[in-house]
Amino acid sequence: MKKPLTVACPTCSTQVEWSTDNPYRPFCCERCKLIDLGAWAAEEHKIPGDSLEDELFSGELDGMRH
């Protein structure tokens, strides 16, 4: 029998079985999922990007008005 894949919950590091039985995967529970969502909303997590590119493209938005 194949052992199920387990991963660490990104919020609390609890080992969680990666399966369709866990609707919160990769989190262990709804609470950890909501904590992570709140961190994204508060901009505590960020995806790295090119700041120069961000400045160039954000300037284009100023001229777009209806």
PDB file of N, CA and C in Angstrom:
ATOM      1  N   MET A   1       0.842  -1.183   0.000  1.00  0.00           N
ATOM      2  CA  MET A   1       0.000   0.000   0.000  1.00  0.00           C
ATOM      3  C   MET A   1       0.891   1.252   0.000  1.00  0.00           C
ATOM      4  N   LYS A   2       0.519   2.214  -0.789  1.00  0.00           N
ATOM      5  CA  LYS A   2       1.302   3.447  -0.918  1.00  0.00           C
ATOM      6  C   LYS A   2       0.976   4.403   0.230  1.00  0.00           C
ATOM      7  N   LYS A   3       2.022   4.944   0.842  1.00  0.00           N
ATOM      8  CA  LYS A   3       1.846   5.886   1.945  1.00  0.00           C
ATOM      9  C   LYS A   3       1.385   7.234   1.383  1.00  0.00           C
ATOM     10  N   PRO A   4       0.351   7.856   1.979  1.00  0.00           N
ATOM     11  CA  PRO A   4      -0.134   9.142   1.460  1.00  0.00           C
ATOM     12  C   PRO A   4       0.904  10.257   1.631  1.00  0.00           C
ATOM     13  N   LEU A   5       0.893  11.185   0.693  1.00  0.00           N
ATOM     14  CA  LEU A   5       1.801  12.328   0.743  1.00  0.00           C
ATOM     15  C   LEU A   5       1.390  13.262   1.881  1.00  0.00           C
ATOM     16  N   THR A   6       2.352  13.688   2.665  1.00  0.00           N
ATOM     17  CA  THR A   6       2.081  14.664   3.720  1.00  0.00           C
ATOM     18  C   THR A   6       2.937  15.897   3.468  1.00  0.00           C
ATOM     19  N   VAL A   7       2.371  17.048   3.792  1.00  0.00           N
ATOM     20  CA  VAL A   7       3.062  18.332   3.648  1.00  0.00           C
ATOM     21  C   VAL A   7       2.909  19.105   4.949  1.00  0.00           C
ATOM     22  N   ALA A   8       3.771  20.076   5.153  1.00  0.00           N
ATOM     23  CA  ALA A   8       3.682  20.927   6.335  1.00  0.00           C
ATOM     24  C   ALA A   8       2.718  22.078   6.052  1.00  0.00           C
ATOM     25  N   CYS A   9       1.809  22.339   6.960  1.00  0.00           N
ATOM     26  CA  CYS A   9       0.888  23.471   6.843  1.00  0.00           C
ATOM     27  C   CYS A   9       1.738  24.745   6.777  1.00  0.00           C
ATOM     28  N   PRO A  10       1.513  25.616   5.769  1.00  0.00           N
ATOM     29  CA  PRO A  10       2.317  26.828   5.633  1.00  0.00           C
ATOM     30  C   PRO A  10       2.200  27.788   6.826  1.00  0.00           C
ATOM     31  N   THR A  11       1.124  27.673   7.586  1.00  0.00           N
ATOM     32  CA  THR A  11       0.910  28.589   8.703  1.00  0.00           C
ATOM     33  C   THR A  11       1.485  28.068  10.017  1.00  0.00           C
ATOM     34  N   CYS A  12       1.169  26.808  10.352  1.00  0.00           N
ATOM     35  CA  CYS A  12       1.570  26.297  11.673  1.00  0.00           C
ATOM     36  C   CYS A  12       2.549  25.124  11.616  1.00  0.00           C
ATOM     37  N   SER A  13       2.881  24.661  10.428  1.00  0.00           N
ATOM     38  CA  SER A  13       3.837  23.573  10.193  1.00  0.00           C
ATOM     39  C   SER A  13       3.357  22.191  10.632  1.00  0.00           C
ATOM     40  N   THR A  14       2.083  22.041  10.964  1.00  0.00           N
ATOM     41  CA  THR A  14       1.525  20.730  11.274  1.00  0.00           C
ATOM     42  C   THR A  14       1.566  19.874  10.010  1.00  0.00           C
ATOM     43  N   GLN A  15       1.908  18.605  10.148  1.00  0.00           N
ATOM     44  CA  GLN A  15       1.918  17.695   9.001  1.00  0.00           C
ATOM     45  C   GLN A  15       0.476  17.385   8.593  1.00  0.00           C
ATOM     46  N   VAL A  16       0.190  17.574   7.295  1.00  0.00           N
ATOM     47  CA  VAL A  16      -1.159  17.413   6.764  1.00  0.00           C
ATOM     48  C   VAL A  16      -1.111  16.444   5.594  1.00  0.00           C
ATOM     49  N   GLU A  17      -2.077  15.535   5.553  1.00  0.00           N
ATOM     50  CA  GLU A  17      -2.171  14.615   4.426  1.00  0.00           C
ATOM     51  C   GLU A  17      -2.719  15.370   3.212  1.00  0.00           C
ATOM     52  N   TRP A  18      -2.006  15.269   2.082  1.00  0.00           N
ATOM     53  CA  TRP A  18      -2.426  15.934   0.850  1.00  0.00           C
ATOM     54  C   TRP A  18      -3.405  14.999   0.149  1.00  0.00           C
ATOM     55  N   SER A  19      -4.698  15.258   0.337  1.00  0.00           N
ATOM     56  CA  SER A  19      -5.708  14.418  -0.297  1.00  0.00           C
ATOM     57  C   SER A  19      -6.973  15.239  -0.505  1.00  0.00           C
ATOM     58  N   THR A  20      -7.863  14.692  -1.306  1.00  0.00           N
ATOM     59  CA  THR A  20      -9.132  15.377  -1.565  1.00  0.00           C
ATOM     60  C   THR A  20     -10.023  15.390  -0.332  1.00  0.00           C
ATOM     61  N   ASP A  21      -9.680  14.600   0.679  1.00  0.00           N
ATOM     62  CA  ASP A  21     -10.445  14.601   1.928  1.00  0.00           C
ATOM     63  C   ASP A  21     -10.214  15.874   2.744  1.00  0.00           C
ATOM     64  N   ASN A  22      -9.150  16.607   2.434  1.00  0.00           N
ATOM     65  CA  ASN A  22      -8.837  17.843   3.156  1.00  0.00           C
ATOM     66  C   ASN A  22      -9.184  19.038   2.260  1.00  0.00           C
ATOM     67  N   PRO A  23     -10.329  19.691   2.496  1.00  0.00           N
ATOM     68  CA  PRO A  23     -10.718  20.823   1.649  1.00  0.00           C
ATOM     69  C   PRO A  23      -9.851  22.066   1.850  1.00  0.00           C
ATOM     70  N   TYR A  24      -9.008  22.074   2.882  1.00  0.00           N
ATOM     71  CA  TYR A  24      -8.177  23.253   3.180  1.00  0.00           C
ATOM     72  C   TYR A  24      -6.743  23.085   2.704  1.00  0.00           C
ATOM     73  N   ARG A  25      -6.419  21.973   2.050  1.00  0.00           N
ATOM     74  CA  ARG A  25      -5.026  21.723   1.658  1.00  0.00           C
ATOM     75  C   ARG A  25      -4.452  22.892   0.891  1.00  0.00           C
ATOM     76  N   PRO A  26      -3.269  23.303   1.105  1.00  0.00           N
ATOM     77  CA  PRO A  26      -2.216  22.674   1.894  1.00  0.00           C
ATOM     78  C   PRO A  26      -2.272  23.031   3.373  1.00  0.00           C
ATOM     79  N   PHE A  27      -3.318  23.712   3.808  1.00  0.00           N
ATOM     80  CA  PHE A  27      -3.447  24.091   5.215  1.00  0.00           C
ATOM     81  C   PHE A  27      -4.082  22.957   6.006  1.00  0.00           C
ATOM     82  N   CYS A  28      -3.907  22.997   7.320  1.00  0.00           N
ATOM     83  CA  CYS A  28      -4.466  21.931   8.152  1.00  0.00           C
ATOM     84  C   CYS A  28      -5.927  22.196   8.518  1.00  0.00           C
ATOM     85  N   CYS A  29      -6.332  23.467   8.492  1.00  0.00           N
ATOM     86  CA  CYS A  29      -7.704  23.795   8.880  1.00  0.00           C
ATOM     87  C   CYS A  29      -8.099  25.157   8.296  1.00  0.00           C
ATOM     88  N   GLU A  30      -9.356  25.484   8.452  1.00  0.00           N
ATOM     89  CA  GLU A  30      -9.854  26.765   7.937  1.00  0.00           C
ATOM     90  C   GLU A  30      -9.169  27.945   8.619  1.00  0.00           C
ATOM     91  N   ARG A  31      -8.887  27.825   9.904  1.00  0.00           N
ATOM     92  CA  ARG A  31      -8.247  28.911  10.649  1.00  0.00           C
ATOM     93  C   ARG A  31      -6.895  29.269  10.038  1.00  0.00           C
ATOM     94  N   CYS A  32      -6.062  28.263   9.755  1.00  0.00           N
ATOM     95  CA  CYS A  32      -4.746  28.522   9.158  1.00  0.00           C
ATOM     96  C   CYS A  32      -4.896  29.113   7.761  1.00  0.00           C
ATOM     97  N   LYS A  33      -5.885  28.659   7.023  1.00  0.00           N
ATOM     98  CA  LYS A  33      -6.123  29.200   5.683  1.00  0.00           C
ATOM     99  C   LYS A  33      -6.492  30.684   5.764  1.00  0.00           C
ATOM    100  N   LEU A  34      -7.341  31.048   6.721  1.00  0.00           N
ATOM    101  CA  LEU A  34      -7.760  32.442   6.879  1.00  0.00           C
ATOM    102  C   LEU A  34      -6.627  33.330   7.400  1.00  0.00           C
ATOM    103  N   ILE A  35      -5.774  32.772   8.252  1.00  0.00           N
ATOM    104  CA  ILE A  35      -4.607  33.534   8.721  1.00  0.00           C
ATOM    105  C   ILE A  35      -3.724  33.888   7.533  1.00  0.00           C
ATOM    106  N   ASP A  36      -3.495  32.927   6.640  1.00  0.00           N
ATOM    107  CA  ASP A  36      -2.672  33.175   5.457  1.00  0.00           C
ATOM    108  C   ASP A  36      -3.340  34.186   4.531  1.00  0.00           C
ATOM    109  N   LEU A  37      -4.634  34.077   4.332  1.00  0.00           N
ATOM    110  CA  LEU A  37      -5.367  35.026   3.495  1.00  0.00           C
ATOM    111  C   LEU A  37      -5.245  36.438   4.063  1.00  0.00           C
ATOM    112  N   GLY A  38      -5.368  36.578   5.377  1.00  0.00           N
ATOM    113  CA  GLY A  38      -5.220  37.880   6.026  1.00  0.00           C
ATOM    114  C   GLY A  38      -3.834  38.466   5.837  1.00  0.00           C
ATOM    115  N   ALA A  39      -2.811  37.604   5.854  1.00  0.00           N
ATOM    116  CA  ALA A  39      -1.441  38.080   5.646  1.00  0.00           C
ATOM    117  C   ALA A  39      -1.274  38.607   4.223  1.00  0.00           C
ATOM    118  N   TRP A  40      -1.872  37.942   3.239  1.00  0.00           N
ATOM    119  CA  TRP A  40      -1.815  38.453   1.865  1.00  0.00           C
ATOM    120  C   TRP A  40      -2.556  39.781   1.761  1.00  0.00           C
ATOM    121  N   ALA A  41      -3.733  39.880   2.393  1.00  0.00           N
ATOM    122  CA  ALA A  41      -4.527  41.110   2.331  1.00  0.00           C
ATOM    123  C   ALA A  41      -3.803  42.286   2.993  1.00  0.00           C
ATOM    124  N   ALA A  42      -3.039  42.000   4.039  1.00  0.00           N
ATOM    125  CA  ALA A  42      -2.275  43.034   4.733  1.00  0.00           C
ATOM    126  C   ALA A  42      -0.924  43.303   4.059  1.00  0.00           C
ATOM    127  N   GLU A  43      -0.691  42.663   2.912  1.00  0.00           N
ATOM    128  CA  GLU A  43       0.544  42.796   2.139  1.00  0.00           C
ATOM    129  C   GLU A  43       1.778  42.365   2.914  1.00  0.00           C
ATOM    130  N   GLU A  44       1.607  41.386   3.821  1.00  0.00           N
ATOM    131  CA  GLU A  44       2.747  40.812   4.520  1.00  0.00           C
ATOM    132  C   GLU A  44       3.477  39.812   3.620  1.00  0.00           C
ATOM    133  N   HIS A  45       2.758  39.225   2.658  1.00  0.00           N
ATOM    134  CA  HIS A  45       3.350  38.332   1.656  1.00  0.00           C
ATOM    135  C   HIS A  45       3.361  39.097   0.342  1.00  0.00           C
ATOM    136  N   LYS A  46       4.435  38.956  -0.396  1.00  0.00           N
ATOM    137  CA  LYS A  46       4.526  39.618  -1.695  1.00  0.00           C
ATOM    138  C   LYS A  46       5.226  38.690  -2.676  1.00  0.00           C
ATOM    139  N   ILE A  47       4.841  38.779  -3.929  1.00  0.00           N
ATOM    140  CA  ILE A  47       5.518  38.054  -4.987  1.00  0.00           C
ATOM    141  C   ILE A  47       6.546  39.012  -5.568  1.00  0.00           C
ATOM    142  N   PRO A  48       7.824  38.615  -5.568  1.00  0.00           N
ATOM    143  CA  PRO A  48       8.851  39.537  -6.052  1.00  0.00           C
ATOM    144  C   PRO A  48       8.649  39.881  -7.522  1.00  0.00           C
ATOM    145  N   GLY A  49       8.953  41.102  -7.849  1.00  0.00           N
ATOM    146  CA  GLY A  49       8.845  41.568  -9.219  1.00  0.00           C
ATOM    147  C   GLY A  49       9.896  42.625  -9.491  1.00  0.00           C
ATOM    148  N   ASP A  50       9.898  43.116 -10.679  1.00  0.00           N
ATOM    149  CA  ASP A  50      10.840  44.144 -11.090  1.00  0.00           C
ATOM    150  C   ASP A  50      10.230  45.509 -10.761  1.00  0.00           C
ATOM    151  N   SER A  51      10.787  46.225  -9.794  1.00  0.00           N
ATOM    152  CA  SER A  51      10.212  47.502  -9.372  1.00  0.00           C
ATOM    153  C   SER A  51      10.258  48.539 -10.491  1.00  0.00           C
ATOM    154  N   LEU A  52      11.276  48.504 -11.331  1.00  0.00           N
ATOM    155  CA  LEU A  52      11.359  49.441 -12.451  1.00  0.00           C
ATOM    156  C   LEU A  52      10.215  49.190 -13.426  1.00  0.00           C
ATOM    157  N   GLU A  53       9.936  47.932 -13.697  1.00  0.00           N
ATOM    158  CA  GLU A  53       8.830  47.585 -14.588  1.00  0.00           C
ATOM    159  C   GLU A  53       7.503  48.045 -13.988  1.00  0.00           C
ATOM    160  N   ASP A  54       7.317  47.882 -12.695  1.00  0.00           N
ATOM    161  CA  ASP A  54       6.095  48.324 -12.033  1.00  0.00           C
ATOM    162  C   ASP A  54       5.908  49.830 -12.198  1.00  0.00           C
ATOM    163  N   GLU A  55       6.978  50.588 -12.035  1.00  0.00           N
ATOM    164  CA  GLU A  55       6.905  52.047 -12.184  1.00  0.00           C
ATOM    165  C   GLU A  55       6.549  52.440 -13.609  1.00  0.00           C
ATOM    166  N   LEU A  56       7.131  51.760 -14.589  1.00  0.00           N
ATOM    167  CA  LEU A  56       6.858  52.077 -15.990  1.00  0.00           C
ATOM    168  C   LEU A  56       5.407  51.818 -16.347  1.00  0.00           C
ATOM    169  N   PHE A  57       4.883  50.666 -15.937  1.00  0.00           N
ATOM    170  CA  PHE A  57       3.524  50.314 -16.294  1.00  0.00           C
ATOM    171  C   PHE A  57       2.477  51.088 -15.492  1.00  0.00           C
ATOM    172  N   SER A  58       2.783  51.455 -14.259  1.00  0.00           N
ATOM    173  CA  SER A  58       1.813  52.212 -13.465  1.00  0.00           C
ATOM    174  C   SER A  58       1.636  53.618 -14.032  1.00  0.00           C
ATOM    175  N   GLY A  59       2.652  54.161 -14.695  1.00  0.00           N
ATOM    176  CA  GLY A  59       2.545  55.473 -15.322  1.00  0.00           C
ATOM    177  C   GLY A  59       1.557  55.484 -16.468  1.00  0.00           C
ATOM    178  N   GLU A  60       1.401  54.355 -17.136  1.00  0.00           N
ATOM    179  CA  GLU A  60       0.454  54.262 -18.247  1.00  0.00           C
ATOM    180  C   GLU A  60      -0.988  54.358 -17.764  1.00  0.00           C
ATOM    181  N   LEU A  61      -1.247  53.981 -16.544  1.00  0.00           N
ATOM    182  CA  LEU A  61      -2.607  53.989 -16.020  1.00  0.00           C
ATOM    183  C   LEU A  61      -3.122  55.407 -15.761  1.00  0.00           C
ATOM    184  N   ASP A  62      -2.224  56.350 -15.506  1.00  0.00           N
ATOM    185  CA  ASP A  62      -2.649  57.731 -15.222  1.00  0.00           C
ATOM    186  C   ASP A  62      -3.380  58.363 -16.396  1.00  0.00           C
ATOM    187  N   GLY A  63      -3.001  58.040 -17.615  1.00  0.00           N
ATOM    188  CA  GLY A  63      -3.611  58.640 -18.796  1.00  0.00           C
ATOM    189  C   GLY A  63      -4.908  57.966 -19.234  1.00  0.00           C
ATOM    190  N   MET A  64      -5.268  56.852 -18.603  1.00  0.00           N
ATOM    191  CA  MET A  64      -6.462  56.117 -18.996  1.00  0.00           C
ATOM    192  C   MET A  64      -7.668  56.576 -18.178  1.00  0.00           C
ATOM    193  N   ARG A  65      -8.454  57.435 -18.714  1.00  0.00           N
ATOM    194  CA  ARG A  65      -9.661  57.917 -18.030  1.00  0.00           C
ATOM    195  C   ARG A  65     -10.822  57.859 -18.992  1.00  0.00           C
ATOM    196  N   HIS A  66     -12.000  57.610 -18.490  1.00  0.00           N
ATOM    197  CA  HIS A  66     -13.206  57.530 -19.327  1.00  0.00           C
ATOM    198  C   HIS A  66     -13.882  58.854 -19.434  1.00  0.00           C
TER     199      HIS A  66
END
